Every structure is written in structure tokens, then in C-alpha cells.
Amino acid sequence: MDYSGRPSVGKINGAKFLNAGVTNVNHQLETGLELAGQWGALSFMGEYQWMSVKRRSAPDWVWDSTNLKLIPATSAQRANGVINHTFSTWYFQVSYVLNGQREYRGGDSFVFKSVTPATKAGALELVARYEVGNQDDLTDVDPVKGGVEKITTLGVTYYPRKNIRFMVNYSFVDNNENAMCAKGYSPTGVKIYDPHFQIFSSRVAWAF
């Protein structure tokens, strides 16, 4: 099983810096928790996801990728193949609206909608977000080194009217030593270690 991920705003080239592979998987359980709220011009939202990966009993056979056939497992491979693993990811973001009113829909389908400017000058929304993806599970036996990625994002959105928005985000990405770009996106065909980089993104949206 492949558990991989990429920066939340870095989907242009598809490069993934979190790559955790677990063999001999029997089943998995994913649990999530979400929280969102609003207080006047201030709104917040966050999410936490936890993945539990349970493995089968010790494998009698393993795949030989060189000769493309099954071969008997060694004692070390049998011991490694039964260790369970867990991974997690979470984010939290907060925004504040200046000179405007954020709309929302309550009830069973609580949804943040657009911002209505209070004057013809338009409204500004200031946003801050922090997220962590953890695909390292450094167990004593068969540790998984999928990487840890932390991203801090600062953003500004301008609403000249209710149905038009101009968005600008700047993100700071911090990877640990195990978070490396998959070799499929590398010009040299090997994994790339890039511990710190920034992402600039912009968007114009018109609802009609």
C-alpha cells in the first residue's frame, strides 16, 4: 500500500514529498475529526485525520522484484512484515474579514460562503493556516520513513463585489530528512531532498 501526499497548494507538477509504503497490509482504518466556527468577522476551521494500518500474519513468501517471482521469506522479513503502523495529518486555519460580512449556511449543512462587502471599496479577508503531514512511523522493527511536512500559509483575498474575488497565498514548506520528492518527478531519476521552499499561488474567481 502506498500512502503519499503533496503540499496542499503544490499540485501544479504533482511532486509528492510524503511517500510511505507498507507491505503485507491486511486492512486499514481512517478516522477524522473536523471543527469549524464563526464569531463576527472571525472564522476558523480545522481537521485531523489518523490512519491505522494493520498487517497480516508473518508472510511465508515475499516478492523477488529482480527475478519476478515469489521466494521464501527470511526470518527478518517475517518479523518485519507484522509490525502495525499509524500516520496522521492535520491543519488549522483562521480568517478575519475587514469591511465586510461573511455569509454562512447553518443547520445540517454548515458551509462558509462568500463575503459581502460593506461598501463600494470592497472587503479584505486575511487568512493564516498551519498544517502538518506525518508519514514517519519510526518503530524499532521495520520503521517507515515516509517524511514529515509542515506548511505555514499566509493569504489575502479581496472582494470588490460579493461574487468576485482575487486571492493571493504565500506558503512556507518545511520538510524533514525523510520527506523527499518521488523520483518520478526528478530530472535525474533519483529522489530529491528539498527541506525548505516557498510556494506562491494566486486565483481569480467569478461566480455567475
N, C-alpha and C. Protein backbone atom coordinates (compact mmCIF):
# COMPACT_ATOMS: atom_id res chain seq x y z
N MET A 1 0.85 -1.18 0.00
CA MET A 1 0.00 0.00 0.00
C MET A 1 0.89 1.24 0.00
N ASP A 2 0.48 2.24 -0.80
CA ASP A 2 1.23 3.48 -0.91
C ASP A 2 0.43 4.60 -0.24
N TYR A 3 1.05 5.25 0.74
CA TYR A 3 0.44 6.39 1.42
C TYR A 3 1.32 7.59 1.11
N SER A 4 0.86 8.43 0.21
CA SER A 4 1.69 9.54 -0.25
C SER A 4 0.89 10.83 -0.27
N GLY A 5 1.58 11.96 -0.27
CA GLY A 5 0.92 13.24 -0.27
C GLY A 5 1.84 14.32 -0.79
N ARG A 6 1.25 15.47 -1.09
CA ARG A 6 1.99 16.60 -1.64
C ARG A 6 1.57 17.87 -0.92
N PRO A 7 2.34 18.97 -1.07
CA PRO A 7 1.91 20.24 -0.46
C PRO A 7 0.51 20.62 -0.93
N SER A 8 -0.28 21.20 -0.04
CA SER A 8 -1.69 21.47 -0.35
C SER A 8 -1.86 22.44 -1.50
N VAL A 9 -0.89 23.31 -1.74
CA VAL A 9 -1.00 24.25 -2.86
C VAL A 9 0.05 23.98 -3.92
N GLY A 10 0.67 22.81 -3.89
CA GLY A 10 1.73 22.50 -4.84
C GLY A 10 1.35 21.40 -5.81
N LYS A 11 0.14 21.46 -6.37
CA LYS A 11 -0.36 20.39 -7.23
C LYS A 11 -0.10 20.63 -8.71
N ILE A 12 0.67 21.68 -9.04
CA ILE A 12 0.88 22.00 -10.44
C ILE A 12 1.69 20.92 -11.13
N ASN A 13 2.80 20.50 -10.52
CA ASN A 13 3.63 19.47 -11.16
C ASN A 13 3.43 18.09 -10.54
N GLY A 14 2.58 17.97 -9.53
CA GLY A 14 2.28 16.66 -8.96
C GLY A 14 3.35 16.07 -8.08
N ALA A 15 4.41 16.81 -7.78
CA ALA A 15 5.51 16.28 -6.96
C ALA A 15 5.02 15.97 -5.55
N LYS A 16 5.35 14.77 -5.07
CA LYS A 16 4.96 14.34 -3.73
C LYS A 16 6.20 14.20 -2.85
N PHE A 17 6.16 14.83 -1.67
CA PHE A 17 7.29 14.76 -0.75
C PHE A 17 7.03 13.78 0.40
N LEU A 18 5.79 13.32 0.55
CA LEU A 18 5.48 12.33 1.57
C LEU A 18 5.19 11.01 0.86
N ASN A 19 6.01 10.01 1.13
CA ASN A 19 5.88 8.72 0.43
C ASN A 19 6.15 7.58 1.41
N ALA A 20 5.09 7.00 1.95
CA ALA A 20 5.20 5.89 2.88
C ALA A 20 4.63 4.63 2.23
N GLY A 21 5.43 3.60 2.16
CA GLY A 21 4.98 2.33 1.61
C GLY A 21 4.94 1.25 2.68
N VAL A 22 3.84 0.53 2.76
CA VAL A 22 3.68 -0.55 3.75
C VAL A 22 3.26 -1.81 3.02
N THR A 23 3.99 -2.89 3.22
CA THR A 23 3.68 -4.16 2.58
C THR A 23 2.88 -5.06 3.53
N ASN A 24 2.34 -6.14 2.97
CA ASN A 24 1.66 -7.16 3.76
C ASN A 24 0.50 -6.58 4.57
N VAL A 25 -0.26 -5.67 3.96
CA VAL A 25 -1.36 -4.99 4.65
C VAL A 25 -2.61 -5.86 4.64
N ASN A 26 -3.23 -5.99 5.81
CA ASN A 26 -4.48 -6.74 5.92
C ASN A 26 -5.68 -5.79 5.80
N HIS A 27 -5.70 -4.70 6.59
CA HIS A 27 -6.76 -3.72 6.50
C HIS A 27 -6.28 -2.40 7.09
N GLN A 28 -7.03 -1.34 6.83
CA GLN A 28 -6.69 -0.01 7.34
C GLN A 28 -7.95 0.66 7.87
N LEU A 29 -7.75 1.57 8.81
CA LEU A 29 -8.85 2.33 9.40
C LEU A 29 -8.47 3.80 9.44
N GLU A 30 -9.29 4.64 8.82
CA GLU A 30 -9.04 6.08 8.82
C GLU A 30 -10.11 6.78 9.65
N THR A 31 -9.67 7.60 10.59
CA THR A 31 -10.56 8.33 11.47
C THR A 31 -10.32 9.83 11.31
N GLY A 32 -11.38 10.60 11.21
CA GLY A 32 -11.23 12.04 11.02
C GLY A 32 -12.13 12.84 11.94
N LEU A 33 -11.68 14.06 12.24
CA LEU A 33 -12.44 14.99 13.08
C LEU A 33 -12.33 16.37 12.45
N GLU A 34 -13.47 17.05 12.30
CA GLU A 34 -13.50 18.40 11.72
C GLU A 34 -14.16 19.36 12.68
N LEU A 35 -13.71 20.62 12.64
CA LEU A 35 -14.26 21.65 13.50
C LEU A 35 -14.27 22.97 12.74
N ALA A 36 -15.38 23.69 12.77
CA ALA A 36 -15.48 24.99 12.10
C ALA A 36 -16.41 25.89 12.90
N GLY A 37 -16.13 27.18 12.84
CA GLY A 37 -16.98 28.11 13.57
C GLY A 37 -16.75 29.55 13.12
N GLN A 38 -17.63 30.43 13.57
CA GLN A 38 -17.55 31.84 13.21
C GLN A 38 -18.02 32.69 14.36
N TRP A 39 -17.33 33.81 14.54
CA TRP A 39 -17.71 34.78 15.57
C TRP A 39 -17.51 36.17 14.97
N GLY A 40 -18.58 36.74 14.43
CA GLY A 40 -18.48 38.03 13.78
C GLY A 40 -17.61 37.94 12.53
N ALA A 41 -16.60 38.79 12.47
CA ALA A 41 -15.70 38.82 11.31
C ALA A 41 -14.66 37.70 11.36
N LEU A 42 -14.55 37.01 12.48
CA LEU A 42 -13.54 35.95 12.66
C LEU A 42 -14.15 34.59 12.38
N SER A 43 -13.47 33.78 11.59
CA SER A 43 -13.91 32.40 11.35
C SER A 43 -12.70 31.47 11.43
N PHE A 44 -12.96 30.20 11.75
CA PHE A 44 -11.87 29.23 11.88
C PHE A 44 -12.36 27.87 11.43
N MET A 45 -11.43 27.03 11.05
CA MET A 45 -11.75 25.65 10.72
C MET A 45 -10.49 24.80 10.84
N GLY A 46 -10.68 23.52 11.15
CA GLY A 46 -9.55 22.61 11.28
C GLY A 46 -10.01 21.18 11.06
N GLU A 47 -9.03 20.31 10.81
CA GLU A 47 -9.33 18.90 10.55
C GLU A 47 -8.14 18.05 11.00
N TYR A 48 -8.44 16.89 11.54
CA TYR A 48 -7.42 15.92 11.94
C TYR A 48 -7.79 14.55 11.38
N GLN A 49 -6.83 13.89 10.74
CA GLN A 49 -7.04 12.54 10.21
C GLN A 49 -5.96 11.61 10.72
N TRP A 50 -6.37 10.42 11.09
CA TRP A 50 -5.46 9.42 11.66
C TRP A 50 -5.67 8.10 10.92
N MET A 51 -4.58 7.53 10.43
CA MET A 51 -4.64 6.29 9.66
C MET A 51 -3.94 5.16 10.42
N SER A 52 -4.67 4.09 10.68
CA SER A 52 -4.12 2.91 11.34
C SER A 52 -4.02 1.78 10.31
N VAL A 53 -2.82 1.23 10.15
CA VAL A 53 -2.58 0.19 9.15
C VAL A 53 -2.24 -1.11 9.87
N LYS A 54 -3.11 -2.11 9.73
CA LYS A 54 -2.91 -3.41 10.36
C LYS A 54 -2.38 -4.40 9.31
N ARG A 55 -1.39 -5.18 9.71
CA ARG A 55 -0.78 -6.10 8.76
C ARG A 55 -1.21 -7.54 9.03
N ARG A 56 -0.98 -8.39 8.03
CA ARG A 56 -1.36 -9.80 8.13
C ARG A 56 -0.38 -10.52 9.06
N SER A 57 -0.62 -11.82 9.22
CA SER A 57 0.33 -12.65 9.96
C SER A 57 1.63 -12.72 9.16
N ALA A 58 2.68 -13.23 9.78
CA ALA A 58 4.00 -13.26 9.16
C ALA A 58 3.95 -13.90 7.78
N PRO A 59 4.49 -13.24 6.76
CA PRO A 59 4.43 -13.78 5.39
C PRO A 59 5.38 -14.97 5.21
N ASP A 60 4.89 -16.01 4.56
CA ASP A 60 5.75 -17.16 4.22
C ASP A 60 6.53 -16.92 2.94
N TRP A 61 5.98 -16.03 2.09
CA TRP A 61 6.60 -15.76 0.80
C TRP A 61 6.68 -14.25 0.58
N VAL A 62 7.73 -13.81 -0.10
CA VAL A 62 7.88 -12.40 -0.47
C VAL A 62 8.19 -12.32 -1.96
N TRP A 63 7.94 -11.15 -2.54
CA TRP A 63 8.14 -10.98 -3.97
C TRP A 63 9.57 -10.57 -4.28
N ASP A 64 10.22 -11.33 -5.16
CA ASP A 64 11.56 -11.02 -5.64
C ASP A 64 11.42 -10.16 -6.90
N SER A 65 11.65 -8.85 -6.75
CA SER A 65 11.45 -7.94 -7.88
C SER A 65 12.52 -8.09 -8.96
N THR A 66 13.64 -8.72 -8.61
CA THR A 66 14.70 -8.91 -9.61
C THR A 66 14.38 -10.05 -10.55
N ASN A 67 13.97 -11.19 -9.97
CA ASN A 67 13.66 -12.37 -10.77
C ASN A 67 12.17 -12.54 -11.03
N LEU A 68 11.36 -11.58 -10.50
CA LEU A 68 9.92 -11.56 -10.74
C LEU A 68 9.25 -12.88 -10.36
N LYS A 69 9.45 -13.26 -9.10
CA LYS A 69 8.80 -14.47 -8.61
C LYS A 69 8.75 -14.44 -7.09
N LEU A 70 7.90 -15.29 -6.51
CA LEU A 70 7.81 -15.42 -5.07
C LEU A 70 8.93 -16.31 -4.55
N ILE A 71 9.53 -15.90 -3.43
CA ILE A 71 10.58 -16.69 -2.80
C ILE A 71 10.27 -16.81 -1.31
N PRO A 72 10.79 -17.84 -0.64
CA PRO A 72 10.52 -17.99 0.79
C PRO A 72 11.05 -16.79 1.58
N ALA A 73 10.28 -16.33 2.56
CA ALA A 73 10.68 -15.19 3.39
C ALA A 73 11.73 -15.60 4.40
N THR A 74 12.67 -14.71 4.67
CA THR A 74 13.66 -14.93 5.71
C THR A 74 13.03 -14.65 7.07
N SER A 75 13.71 -15.00 8.13
CA SER A 75 13.20 -14.74 9.47
C SER A 75 13.06 -13.23 9.72
N ALA A 76 13.99 -12.44 9.19
CA ALA A 76 13.91 -10.99 9.36
C ALA A 76 12.71 -10.43 8.60
N GLN A 77 12.47 -10.92 7.39
CA GLN A 77 11.33 -10.45 6.62
C GLN A 77 10.02 -10.85 7.27
N ARG A 78 9.99 -12.03 7.89
CA ARG A 78 8.77 -12.44 8.59
C ARG A 78 8.51 -11.55 9.80
N ALA A 79 9.59 -11.16 10.52
CA ALA A 79 9.44 -10.29 11.69
C ALA A 79 9.01 -8.88 11.27
N ASN A 80 9.59 -8.38 10.19
CA ASN A 80 9.26 -7.03 9.72
C ASN A 80 7.84 -6.93 9.20
N GLY A 81 7.33 -8.02 8.64
CA GLY A 81 6.05 -7.98 7.94
C GLY A 81 4.83 -7.95 8.82
N VAL A 82 4.97 -7.94 10.16
CA VAL A 82 3.80 -7.98 11.04
C VAL A 82 3.67 -6.74 11.92
N ILE A 83 4.60 -5.78 11.79
CA ILE A 83 4.54 -4.57 12.60
C ILE A 83 3.45 -3.63 12.05
N ASN A 84 2.52 -3.21 12.91
CA ASN A 84 1.48 -2.27 12.50
C ASN A 84 2.02 -0.84 12.51
N HIS A 85 1.37 0.04 11.73
CA HIS A 85 1.84 1.42 11.62
C HIS A 85 0.68 2.39 11.69
N THR A 86 0.98 3.63 12.09
CA THR A 86 -0.01 4.71 12.12
C THR A 86 0.59 5.97 11.50
N PHE A 87 -0.28 6.75 10.84
CA PHE A 87 0.11 8.01 10.23
C PHE A 87 -0.97 9.05 10.56
N SER A 88 -0.62 10.32 10.45
CA SER A 88 -1.59 11.36 10.78
C SER A 88 -1.33 12.61 9.95
N THR A 89 -2.37 13.44 9.84
CA THR A 89 -2.26 14.74 9.19
C THR A 89 -3.31 15.66 9.79
N TRP A 90 -3.00 16.96 9.87
CA TRP A 90 -3.96 17.90 10.43
C TRP A 90 -3.66 19.31 9.92
N TYR A 91 -4.67 20.17 10.00
CA TYR A 91 -4.47 21.58 9.69
C TYR A 91 -5.41 22.41 10.55
N PHE A 92 -5.07 23.69 10.69
CA PHE A 92 -5.94 24.66 11.35
C PHE A 92 -5.76 26.00 10.66
N GLN A 93 -6.85 26.66 10.35
CA GLN A 93 -6.75 27.97 9.71
C GLN A 93 -7.75 28.93 10.32
N VAL A 94 -7.40 30.22 10.26
CA VAL A 94 -8.24 31.26 10.82
C VAL A 94 -8.26 32.41 9.82
N SER A 95 -9.40 33.12 9.71
CA SER A 95 -9.51 34.25 8.81
C SER A 95 -10.27 35.38 9.48
N TYR A 96 -9.98 36.58 9.01
CA TYR A 96 -10.64 37.78 9.56
C TYR A 96 -11.03 38.68 8.40
N VAL A 97 -12.28 39.14 8.39
CA VAL A 97 -12.81 39.96 7.30
C VAL A 97 -12.84 41.42 7.71
N LEU A 98 -12.30 42.29 6.85
CA LEU A 98 -12.31 43.73 7.06
C LEU A 98 -13.28 44.37 6.08
N ASN A 99 -14.16 45.21 6.60
CA ASN A 99 -15.12 45.96 5.78
C ASN A 99 -16.08 45.03 5.02
N GLY A 100 -16.51 43.97 5.69
CA GLY A 100 -17.42 43.05 5.02
C GLY A 100 -18.10 42.12 5.99
N GLN A 101 -18.99 41.32 5.46
CA GLN A 101 -19.76 40.34 6.24
C GLN A 101 -19.63 38.98 5.59
N ARG A 102 -19.11 38.00 6.32
CA ARG A 102 -19.02 36.64 5.79
C ARG A 102 -20.38 35.97 5.90
N GLU A 103 -20.80 35.34 4.81
CA GLU A 103 -22.06 34.62 4.79
C GLU A 103 -21.82 33.15 5.15
N TYR A 104 -22.82 32.55 5.72
CA TYR A 104 -22.74 31.13 6.03
C TYR A 104 -24.13 30.53 6.01
N ARG A 105 -24.18 29.23 5.93
CA ARG A 105 -25.43 28.48 5.98
C ARG A 105 -25.35 27.53 7.16
N GLY A 106 -26.27 27.66 8.09
CA GLY A 106 -26.25 26.80 9.27
C GLY A 106 -27.04 25.52 9.05
N GLY A 107 -27.48 24.91 10.13
CA GLY A 107 -28.27 23.68 10.03
C GLY A 107 -27.41 22.46 9.79
N ASP A 108 -27.98 21.51 9.06
CA ASP A 108 -27.28 20.24 8.83
C ASP A 108 -26.10 20.38 7.87
N SER A 109 -26.09 21.41 7.03
CA SER A 109 -25.03 21.57 6.03
C SER A 109 -24.34 22.91 6.24
N PHE A 110 -23.65 23.03 7.36
CA PHE A 110 -22.93 24.28 7.68
C PHE A 110 -21.84 24.50 6.64
N VAL A 111 -21.90 25.63 5.93
CA VAL A 111 -20.96 25.93 4.86
C VAL A 111 -20.58 27.40 4.93
N PHE A 112 -19.27 27.69 4.87
CA PHE A 112 -18.84 29.07 4.71
C PHE A 112 -19.05 29.47 3.25
N LYS A 113 -19.73 30.57 3.03
CA LYS A 113 -19.96 31.05 1.67
C LYS A 113 -19.08 32.26 1.40
N SER A 114 -19.52 33.16 0.56
CA SER A 114 -18.71 34.30 0.16
C SER A 114 -18.76 35.41 1.20
N VAL A 115 -18.08 36.50 0.88
CA VAL A 115 -18.06 37.69 1.73
C VAL A 115 -18.78 38.82 0.99
N THR A 116 -19.66 39.51 1.68
CA THR A 116 -20.37 40.65 1.10
C THR A 116 -19.71 41.95 1.58
N PRO A 117 -19.15 42.74 0.65
CA PRO A 117 -18.51 44.00 1.06
C PRO A 117 -19.52 44.96 1.70
N ALA A 118 -19.05 45.72 2.67
CA ALA A 118 -19.92 46.68 3.34
C ALA A 118 -20.05 47.98 2.56
N THR A 119 -19.03 48.28 1.71
CA THR A 119 -19.05 49.50 0.90
C THR A 119 -18.57 49.18 -0.50
N LYS A 120 -18.62 50.20 -1.39
CA LYS A 120 -18.16 50.01 -2.76
C LYS A 120 -16.65 49.82 -2.85
N ALA A 121 -15.94 50.11 -1.77
CA ALA A 121 -14.48 49.93 -1.76
C ALA A 121 -14.09 48.45 -1.72
N GLY A 122 -15.04 47.58 -1.41
CA GLY A 122 -14.76 46.17 -1.34
C GLY A 122 -14.34 45.73 0.06
N ALA A 123 -14.12 44.42 0.21
CA ALA A 123 -13.75 43.84 1.51
C ALA A 123 -12.45 43.06 1.38
N LEU A 124 -11.71 42.97 2.47
CA LEU A 124 -10.47 42.19 2.54
C LEU A 124 -10.64 41.06 3.54
N GLU A 125 -10.08 39.91 3.21
CA GLU A 125 -10.05 38.78 4.13
C GLU A 125 -8.60 38.37 4.34
N LEU A 126 -8.16 38.34 5.60
CA LEU A 126 -6.81 37.92 5.96
C LEU A 126 -6.87 36.50 6.49
N VAL A 127 -5.96 35.63 5.98
CA VAL A 127 -6.02 34.21 6.31
C VAL A 127 -4.66 33.71 6.75
N ALA A 128 -4.64 32.85 7.77
CA ALA A 128 -3.43 32.16 8.21
C ALA A 128 -3.76 30.68 8.40
N ARG A 129 -2.87 29.81 7.94
CA ARG A 129 -3.11 28.37 8.00
C ARG A 129 -1.82 27.64 8.35
N TYR A 130 -1.94 26.61 9.19
CA TYR A 130 -0.80 25.77 9.54
C TYR A 130 -1.20 24.32 9.41
N GLU A 131 -0.38 23.52 8.74
CA GLU A 131 -0.72 22.11 8.52
C GLU A 131 0.52 21.22 8.67
N VAL A 132 0.28 19.99 9.09
CA VAL A 132 1.36 19.02 9.29
C VAL A 132 0.91 17.68 8.72
N GLY A 133 1.72 17.12 7.83
CA GLY A 133 1.53 15.76 7.35
C GLY A 133 2.64 14.87 7.88
N ASN A 134 2.30 13.81 8.60
CA ASN A 134 3.29 12.94 9.23
C ASN A 134 3.14 11.52 8.72
N GLN A 135 4.09 11.09 7.88
CA GLN A 135 4.11 9.72 7.40
C GLN A 135 5.40 9.02 7.82
N ASP A 136 5.94 9.46 8.94
CA ASP A 136 7.01 8.74 9.63
C ASP A 136 6.40 7.91 10.76
N ASP A 137 6.77 6.66 10.85
CA ASP A 137 6.41 5.83 12.00
C ASP A 137 7.66 5.02 12.34
N LEU A 138 8.51 5.59 13.19
CA LEU A 138 9.85 5.06 13.44
C LEU A 138 9.81 4.00 14.54
N THR A 139 9.17 2.88 14.24
CA THR A 139 9.13 1.75 15.16
C THR A 139 10.51 1.09 15.24
N ASP A 140 10.75 0.34 16.32
CA ASP A 140 12.05 -0.32 16.49
C ASP A 140 12.31 -1.35 15.40
N VAL A 141 11.24 -2.03 14.97
CA VAL A 141 11.33 -3.02 13.90
C VAL A 141 10.57 -2.49 12.68
N ASP A 142 11.18 -2.56 11.51
CA ASP A 142 10.56 -2.14 10.26
C ASP A 142 10.02 -0.71 10.33
N PRO A 143 10.87 0.28 10.63
CA PRO A 143 10.40 1.66 10.67
C PRO A 143 10.01 2.16 9.28
N VAL A 144 8.98 3.00 9.22
CA VAL A 144 8.55 3.62 7.97
C VAL A 144 9.01 5.07 7.98
N LYS A 145 9.77 5.44 6.97
CA LYS A 145 10.30 6.80 6.87
C LYS A 145 9.67 7.50 5.67
N GLY A 146 8.40 7.84 5.82
CA GLY A 146 7.67 8.49 4.73
C GLY A 146 7.80 10.00 4.71
N GLY A 147 8.31 10.58 5.81
CA GLY A 147 8.54 12.01 5.85
C GLY A 147 7.54 12.77 6.68
N VAL A 148 7.96 13.95 7.14
CA VAL A 148 7.10 14.89 7.87
C VAL A 148 7.19 16.23 7.15
N GLU A 149 6.03 16.79 6.84
CA GLU A 149 5.98 18.06 6.12
C GLU A 149 5.12 19.05 6.90
N LYS A 150 5.68 20.26 7.14
CA LYS A 150 4.97 21.32 7.85
C LYS A 150 4.85 22.53 6.92
N ILE A 151 3.64 23.08 6.81
CA ILE A 151 3.40 24.19 5.89
C ILE A 151 2.69 25.33 6.62
N THR A 152 3.25 26.52 6.53
CA THR A 152 2.62 27.73 7.05
C THR A 152 2.21 28.61 5.87
N THR A 153 0.94 29.00 5.82
CA THR A 153 0.43 29.79 4.70
C THR A 153 -0.20 31.08 5.21
N LEU A 154 0.15 32.18 4.54
CA LEU A 154 -0.46 33.47 4.79
C LEU A 154 -1.15 33.92 3.50
N GLY A 155 -2.38 34.44 3.62
CA GLY A 155 -3.12 34.80 2.42
C GLY A 155 -3.97 36.04 2.59
N VAL A 156 -4.26 36.66 1.44
CA VAL A 156 -5.14 37.83 1.39
C VAL A 156 -6.13 37.63 0.25
N THR A 157 -7.40 37.90 0.51
CA THR A 157 -8.43 37.84 -0.53
C THR A 157 -9.16 39.17 -0.58
N TYR A 158 -9.30 39.70 -1.80
CA TYR A 158 -10.01 40.97 -1.99
C TYR A 158 -11.32 40.69 -2.71
N TYR A 159 -12.42 41.21 -2.15
CA TYR A 159 -13.75 41.06 -2.74
C TYR A 159 -14.24 42.43 -3.22
N PRO A 160 -14.11 42.76 -4.50
CA PRO A 160 -14.68 44.03 -4.97
C PRO A 160 -16.21 43.99 -4.96
N ARG A 161 -16.74 42.79 -5.19
CA ARG A 161 -18.18 42.54 -5.08
C ARG A 161 -18.36 41.16 -4.46
N LYS A 162 -19.59 40.87 -4.12
CA LYS A 162 -19.90 39.59 -3.47
C LYS A 162 -19.50 38.39 -4.31
N ASN A 163 -19.63 38.47 -5.63
CA ASN A 163 -19.41 37.31 -6.49
C ASN A 163 -18.05 37.31 -7.18
N ILE A 164 -17.14 38.21 -6.81
CA ILE A 164 -15.81 38.26 -7.41
C ILE A 164 -14.77 38.29 -6.31
N ARG A 165 -13.71 37.51 -6.49
CA ARG A 165 -12.64 37.50 -5.50
C ARG A 165 -11.27 37.39 -6.18
N PHE A 166 -10.28 38.05 -5.58
CA PHE A 166 -8.88 37.96 -6.01
C PHE A 166 -8.09 37.42 -4.82
N MET A 167 -7.46 36.26 -5.00
CA MET A 167 -6.79 35.58 -3.89
C MET A 167 -5.29 35.49 -4.13
N VAL A 168 -4.51 35.71 -3.07
CA VAL A 168 -3.05 35.57 -3.11
C VAL A 168 -2.62 34.83 -1.85
N ASN A 169 -1.84 33.75 -2.02
CA ASN A 169 -1.31 32.98 -0.89
C ASN A 169 0.20 32.82 -1.01
N TYR A 170 0.87 32.84 0.13
CA TYR A 170 2.31 32.56 0.17
C TYR A 170 2.55 31.51 1.24
N SER A 171 3.16 30.39 0.85
CA SER A 171 3.34 29.25 1.76
C SER A 171 4.81 28.96 1.98
N PHE A 172 5.15 28.62 3.23
CA PHE A 172 6.50 28.22 3.61
C PHE A 172 6.46 26.73 3.95
N VAL A 173 7.23 25.92 3.21
CA VAL A 173 7.22 24.47 3.38
C VAL A 173 8.50 24.03 4.09
N ASP A 174 8.34 23.22 5.13
CA ASP A 174 9.47 22.72 5.92
C ASP A 174 9.39 21.20 5.95
N ASN A 175 10.33 20.51 5.30
CA ASN A 175 10.37 19.06 5.24
C ASN A 175 11.48 18.51 6.14
N ASN A 176 11.24 17.35 6.76
CA ASN A 176 12.33 16.72 7.50
C ASN A 176 13.18 15.88 6.55
N GLU A 177 14.18 15.19 7.11
CA GLU A 177 15.15 14.48 6.26
C GLU A 177 14.55 13.30 5.52
N ASN A 178 13.36 12.83 5.92
CA ASN A 178 12.74 11.69 5.24
C ASN A 178 11.74 12.10 4.17
N ALA A 179 11.42 13.39 4.09
CA ALA A 179 10.46 13.87 3.10
C ALA A 179 11.21 14.24 1.82
N MET A 180 11.10 13.37 0.82
CA MET A 180 11.82 13.58 -0.43
C MET A 180 10.88 13.40 -1.61
N CYS A 181 11.10 14.20 -2.63
CA CYS A 181 10.28 14.14 -3.83
C CYS A 181 10.47 12.80 -4.51
N ALA A 182 9.37 12.15 -4.90
CA ALA A 182 9.44 10.86 -5.58
C ALA A 182 10.27 10.98 -6.86
N LYS A 183 11.04 9.93 -7.17
CA LYS A 183 11.96 10.01 -8.30
C LYS A 183 11.26 10.18 -9.64
N GLY A 184 9.96 9.89 -9.71
CA GLY A 184 9.25 10.07 -10.96
C GLY A 184 9.16 11.53 -11.38
N TYR A 185 9.37 12.46 -10.43
CA TYR A 185 9.31 13.89 -10.73
C TYR A 185 10.69 14.53 -10.68
N SER A 186 11.72 13.72 -10.70
CA SER A 186 13.09 14.21 -10.65
C SER A 186 13.74 14.13 -12.03
N PRO A 187 14.43 15.18 -12.46
CA PRO A 187 15.10 15.13 -13.77
C PRO A 187 16.24 14.13 -13.81
N THR A 188 16.78 13.74 -12.65
CA THR A 188 17.89 12.79 -12.62
C THR A 188 17.43 11.36 -12.33
N GLY A 189 16.15 11.16 -12.05
CA GLY A 189 15.65 9.82 -11.78
C GLY A 189 15.90 9.32 -10.38
N VAL A 190 16.35 10.19 -9.47
CA VAL A 190 16.55 9.81 -8.07
C VAL A 190 15.73 10.75 -7.20
N LYS A 191 15.48 10.34 -5.98
CA LYS A 191 14.69 11.16 -5.08
C LYS A 191 15.41 12.47 -4.76
N ILE A 192 14.63 13.53 -4.60
CA ILE A 192 15.18 14.85 -4.34
C ILE A 192 14.85 15.26 -2.91
N TYR A 193 15.86 15.70 -2.18
CA TYR A 193 15.66 16.22 -0.83
C TYR A 193 15.64 17.74 -0.91
N ASP A 194 14.52 18.34 -0.56
CA ASP A 194 14.35 19.79 -0.61
C ASP A 194 13.72 20.21 0.71
N PRO A 195 14.54 20.53 1.73
CA PRO A 195 13.99 20.73 3.07
C PRO A 195 13.15 21.99 3.24
N HIS A 196 13.48 23.05 2.50
CA HIS A 196 12.77 24.31 2.69
C HIS A 196 12.52 24.96 1.34
N PHE A 197 11.28 25.28 1.06
CA PHE A 197 10.97 26.05 -0.14
C PHE A 197 9.66 26.80 0.07
N GLN A 198 9.39 27.74 -0.84
CA GLN A 198 8.19 28.57 -0.74
C GLN A 198 7.32 28.36 -1.98
N ILE A 199 6.02 28.56 -1.80
CA ILE A 199 5.05 28.44 -2.89
C ILE A 199 4.20 29.70 -2.94
N PHE A 200 4.14 30.32 -4.10
CA PHE A 200 3.28 31.48 -4.31
C PHE A 200 2.12 31.06 -5.21
N SER A 201 0.92 31.37 -4.81
CA SER A 201 -0.25 30.99 -5.62
C SER A 201 -1.23 32.13 -5.66
N SER A 202 -1.97 32.24 -6.76
CA SER A 202 -2.99 33.27 -6.91
C SER A 202 -4.18 32.69 -7.65
N ARG A 203 -5.33 33.32 -7.48
CA ARG A 203 -6.54 32.82 -8.10
C ARG A 203 -7.54 33.98 -8.25
N VAL A 204 -8.24 33.99 -9.36
CA VAL A 204 -9.34 34.92 -9.59
C VAL A 204 -10.61 34.09 -9.78
N ALA A 205 -11.65 34.37 -9.02
CA ALA A 205 -12.90 33.59 -9.12
C ALA A 205 -14.07 34.53 -9.34
N TRP A 206 -14.95 34.12 -10.25
CA TRP A 206 -16.16 34.90 -10.55
C TRP A 206 -17.35 33.94 -10.54
N ALA A 207 -18.27 34.15 -9.63
CA ALA A 207 -19.48 33.33 -9.55
C ALA A 207 -20.59 34.01 -10.33
N PHE A 208 -21.16 33.27 -11.28
CA PHE A 208 -22.21 33.88 -12.11
C PHE A 208 -23.34 32.88 -12.35
